[in-house]
């Protein structure tokens, strides 16, 4: 929901930074892999109880996630790069709740499992819509230049990042935050199913 406001704000510095990376010879796939590596480092740090440093690693990872697309648009965007980007993004998103479950299984396992189940719903509805949208040749006017049709919702990248950082800042409240975010994801799932059904009918 907040991506439409956040993206215009961060686009100028992201574009400028991407230009520097292109001049340095870094490709989009390299930036994607770097971001995923930082995301895995964040998960490992969280699992070991280093929550604050984990939050920094999450932010660095998501910075790379914004940069890889900008680099691709300044060089050569490819389907392979788009596939790699979205796949590793979903693996990263799954790794953070799992890391909190590992850090404190007694208190965090159930809320983490519920959040992961909610992520399955948001991810599958997103990808299912994108697949059929591509089949029908639908154009995503809100986020042009993306490899996939980005079907919005109440919980998008900005909200997910905010909740992940909040969980790192207040790890004792992970369960409450996870339940709350899972509920918001549930709303996203329902609205995406409704929108997808209406669109493809």
Protein backbone atom coordinates (compact mmCIF):
# COMPACT_ATOMS: atom_id res chain seq x y z
CA UNK A 1 0.00 0.00 0.00
CA UNK A 2 2.85 2.40 0.83
CA UNK A 3 5.06 1.44 -2.12
CA UNK A 4 3.31 3.98 -4.37
CA UNK A 5 4.49 6.72 -2.01
CA UNK A 6 7.90 5.30 -1.12
CA UNK A 7 9.07 4.48 -4.66
CA UNK A 8 8.94 8.07 -6.01
CA UNK A 9 10.89 9.28 -2.95
CA UNK A 10 13.71 6.77 -3.26
CA UNK A 11 13.86 6.60 -7.07
CA UNK A 12 16.24 9.59 -7.60
CA UNK A 13 18.97 8.43 -5.15
CA UNK A 14 18.55 4.81 -6.28
CA UNK A 15 18.95 5.82 -9.93
CA UNK A 16 22.02 7.91 -9.13
CA UNK A 17 23.63 5.11 -7.12
CA UNK A 18 22.84 2.60 -9.85
CA UNK A 19 24.61 4.83 -12.36
CA UNK A 20 27.76 4.65 -10.21
CA UNK A 21 27.50 0.86 -10.00
CA UNK A 22 27.16 0.60 -13.77
CA UNK A 23 30.26 2.75 -14.21
CA UNK A 24 32.08 0.46 -11.78
CA UNK A 25 31.15 -2.51 -13.96
CA UNK A 26 28.67 -4.19 -11.61
CA UNK A 27 25.80 -5.99 -13.30
CA UNK A 28 22.24 -6.30 -12.07
CA UNK A 29 22.55 -10.02 -11.30
CA UNK A 30 25.63 -9.36 -9.16
CA UNK A 31 23.69 -6.79 -7.14
CA UNK A 32 20.78 -9.24 -6.80
CA UNK A 33 23.09 -11.95 -5.45
CA UNK A 34 24.78 -9.47 -3.11
CA UNK A 35 21.40 -8.43 -1.74
CA UNK A 36 20.38 -12.04 -1.21
CA UNK A 37 23.68 -12.76 0.54
CA UNK A 38 23.10 -9.83 2.88
CA UNK A 39 19.58 -11.10 3.51
CA UNK A 40 20.90 -14.51 4.50
CA UNK A 41 23.44 -12.80 6.77
CA UNK A 42 20.54 -10.94 8.38
CA UNK A 43 18.71 -14.21 9.00
CA UNK A 44 21.80 -15.79 10.55
CA UNK A 45 22.37 -12.76 12.77
CA UNK A 46 18.75 -12.78 13.93
CA UNK A 47 18.83 -16.52 14.59
CA UNK A 48 21.88 -15.98 16.78
CA UNK A 49 20.24 -13.12 18.69
CA UNK A 50 22.10 -10.23 17.07
CA UNK A 51 18.90 -8.38 16.26
CA UNK A 52 20.20 -4.84 15.82
CA UNK A 53 22.95 -5.84 13.39
CA UNK A 54 20.39 -8.06 11.68
CA UNK A 55 18.20 -4.99 11.08
CA UNK A 56 21.13 -3.21 9.43
CA UNK A 57 21.74 -6.22 7.20
CA UNK A 58 18.03 -6.30 6.25
CA UNK A 59 18.14 -2.64 5.22
CA UNK A 60 21.33 -3.20 3.20
CA UNK A 61 19.75 -6.21 1.52
CA UNK A 62 16.64 -4.26 0.52
CA UNK A 63 18.81 -1.41 -0.75
CA UNK A 64 20.41 -3.89 -3.13
CA UNK A 65 16.95 -5.12 -4.09
CA UNK A 66 16.10 -1.60 -5.21
CA UNK A 67 19.41 -1.12 -6.96
CA UNK A 68 19.41 -4.28 -9.07
CA UNK A 69 16.35 -3.23 -11.04
CA UNK A 70 17.75 0.28 -11.54
CA UNK A 71 21.04 -1.19 -12.78
CA UNK A 72 19.15 -3.50 -15.14
CA UNK A 73 17.18 -0.60 -16.61
CA UNK A 74 20.42 1.30 -17.26
CA UNK A 75 22.09 -1.69 -18.91
CA UNK A 76 20.08 -4.65 -20.21
CA UNK A 77 17.06 -6.05 -18.39
CA UNK A 78 16.58 -9.80 -18.95
CA UNK A 79 13.95 -12.38 -18.10
CA UNK A 80 16.63 -14.44 -16.37
CA UNK A 81 17.49 -11.51 -14.14
CA UNK A 82 13.84 -10.88 -13.33
CA UNK A 83 13.36 -14.54 -12.46
CA UNK A 84 16.43 -14.55 -10.21
CA UNK A 85 15.34 -11.34 -8.48
CA UNK A 86 11.79 -12.40 -7.59
CA UNK A 87 12.82 -15.92 -6.56
CA UNK A 88 15.54 -14.75 -4.19
CA UNK A 89 13.23 -12.04 -2.83
CA UNK A 90 10.69 -14.65 -1.73
CA UNK A 91 13.41 -16.80 -0.17
CA UNK A 92 14.68 -13.78 1.75
CA UNK A 93 11.20 -12.90 3.02
CA UNK A 94 10.74 -16.46 4.27
CA UNK A 95 14.14 -16.54 5.98
CA UNK A 96 13.40 -13.74 8.47
CA UNK A 97 10.39 -15.30 10.30
CA UNK A 98 12.27 -18.60 10.27
CA UNK A 99 15.26 -16.89 11.87
CA UNK A 100 13.10 -15.54 14.70
CA UNK A 101 11.68 -19.03 15.24
CA UNK A 102 15.21 -20.43 15.52
CA UNK A 103 16.23 -17.65 17.92
CA UNK A 104 13.39 -18.41 20.35
CA UNK A 105 11.41 -21.52 19.37
CA UNK A 106 9.24 -21.61 22.47
CA UNK A 107 7.79 -18.14 21.94
CA UNK A 108 8.27 -17.54 18.23
CA UNK A 109 7.65 -20.83 16.41
CA UNK A 110 3.85 -20.57 16.14
CA UNK A 111 3.64 -16.88 15.12
CA UNK A 112 6.50 -17.43 12.66
CA UNK A 113 4.67 -20.41 11.14
CA UNK A 114 1.47 -18.36 10.80
CA UNK A 115 3.38 -15.51 9.16
CA UNK A 116 5.08 -17.91 6.74
CA UNK A 117 1.66 -19.35 5.84
CA UNK A 118 0.43 -15.79 5.19
CA UNK A 119 3.48 -15.17 3.00
CA UNK A 120 2.51 -18.26 1.00
CA UNK A 121 -0.86 -16.65 0.35
CA UNK A 122 0.49 -13.25 -0.65
CA UNK A 123 3.25 -14.78 -2.76
CA UNK A 124 1.05 -17.28 -4.60
CA UNK A 125 -1.67 -14.71 -5.33
CA UNK A 126 0.98 -12.27 -6.58
CA UNK A 127 2.67 -14.80 -8.87
CA UNK A 128 -0.56 -16.38 -10.10
CA UNK A 129 -1.89 -12.97 -11.13
CA UNK A 130 1.42 -12.03 -12.77
CA UNK A 131 1.46 -15.27 -14.78
CA UNK A 132 -2.05 -14.85 -16.15
CA UNK A 133 -1.55 -11.11 -16.68
CA UNK A 134 1.46 -11.89 -18.88
CA UNK A 135 -0.58 -14.49 -20.76
CA UNK A 136 -3.25 -11.89 -21.49
CA UNK A 137 -0.79 -9.12 -22.25
CA UNK A 138 -1.99 -6.87 -19.43
CA UNK A 139 0.14 -3.79 -18.82
CA UNK A 140 1.13 -2.68 -15.31
CA UNK A 141 0.86 1.09 -15.63
CA UNK A 142 1.58 1.70 -11.92
CA UNK A 143 5.06 0.12 -11.98
CA UNK A 144 6.32 0.12 -15.58
CA UNK A 145 9.62 -1.58 -16.35
CA UNK A 146 9.11 -4.43 -13.89
CA UNK A 147 9.63 -8.04 -14.95
CA UNK A 148 6.26 -9.00 -13.48
CA UNK A 149 2.85 -7.40 -13.14
CA UNK A 150 3.05 -6.04 -9.58
CA UNK A 151 -0.40 -6.58 -8.11
CA UNK A 152 -0.62 -4.32 -5.07
CA UNK A 153 -2.25 -4.84 -1.72
CA UNK A 154 -2.30 -3.76 1.88
CA UNK A 155 1.08 -5.39 2.53
CA UNK A 156 3.83 -4.70 0.01
CA UNK A 157 7.60 -4.32 0.24
CA UNK A 158 7.53 -1.13 2.33
CA UNK A 159 5.22 -2.59 4.98
CA UNK A 160 7.18 -5.83 5.09
CA UNK A 161 10.46 -3.99 5.58
CA UNK A 162 8.94 -1.83 8.33
CA UNK A 163 7.66 -4.86 10.22
CA UNK A 164 10.95 -6.74 9.84
CA UNK A 165 12.89 -3.79 11.26
CA UNK A 166 10.36 -3.39 14.09
CA UNK A 167 10.76 -7.07 14.94
CA UNK A 168 14.53 -6.57 15.17
CA UNK A 169 14.18 -3.46 17.31
CA UNK A 170 11.68 -5.08 19.67
CA UNK A 171 12.36 -8.84 19.45
CA UNK A 172 10.45 -9.52 22.66
CA UNK A 173 7.31 -8.43 20.80
CA UNK A 174 7.93 -10.59 17.73
CA UNK A 175 4.82 -12.70 18.33
CA UNK A 176 2.51 -9.67 18.51
CA UNK A 177 4.07 -8.10 15.43
CA UNK A 178 3.96 -11.39 13.51
CA UNK A 179 0.28 -11.98 14.32
CA UNK A 180 -0.57 -8.40 13.35
CA UNK A 181 1.33 -8.59 10.07
CA UNK A 182 -0.15 -11.99 9.26
CA UNK A 183 -3.62 -10.47 9.70
CA UNK A 184 -2.73 -7.62 7.33
CA UNK A 185 -1.38 -10.18 4.85
CA UNK A 186 -4.70 -12.01 5.16
CA UNK A 187 -6.50 -8.87 4.01
CA UNK A 188 -4.08 -8.60 1.09
CA UNK A 189 -4.75 -12.22 0.11
CA UNK A 190 -8.53 -11.72 0.13
CA UNK A 191 -8.35 -8.50 -1.90
CA UNK A 192 -5.95 -10.03 -4.44
CA UNK A 193 -8.13 -13.10 -4.91
CA UNK A 194 -11.17 -10.87 -5.37
CA UNK A 195 -9.36 -8.56 -7.79
CA UNK A 196 -7.84 -11.45 -9.73
CA UNK A 197 -11.18 -13.23 -10.03
CA UNK A 198 -12.89 -10.06 -11.22
CA UNK A 199 -10.10 -9.27 -13.69
CA UNK A 200 -9.92 -12.70 -15.31
CA UNK A 201 -13.65 -13.27 -15.46
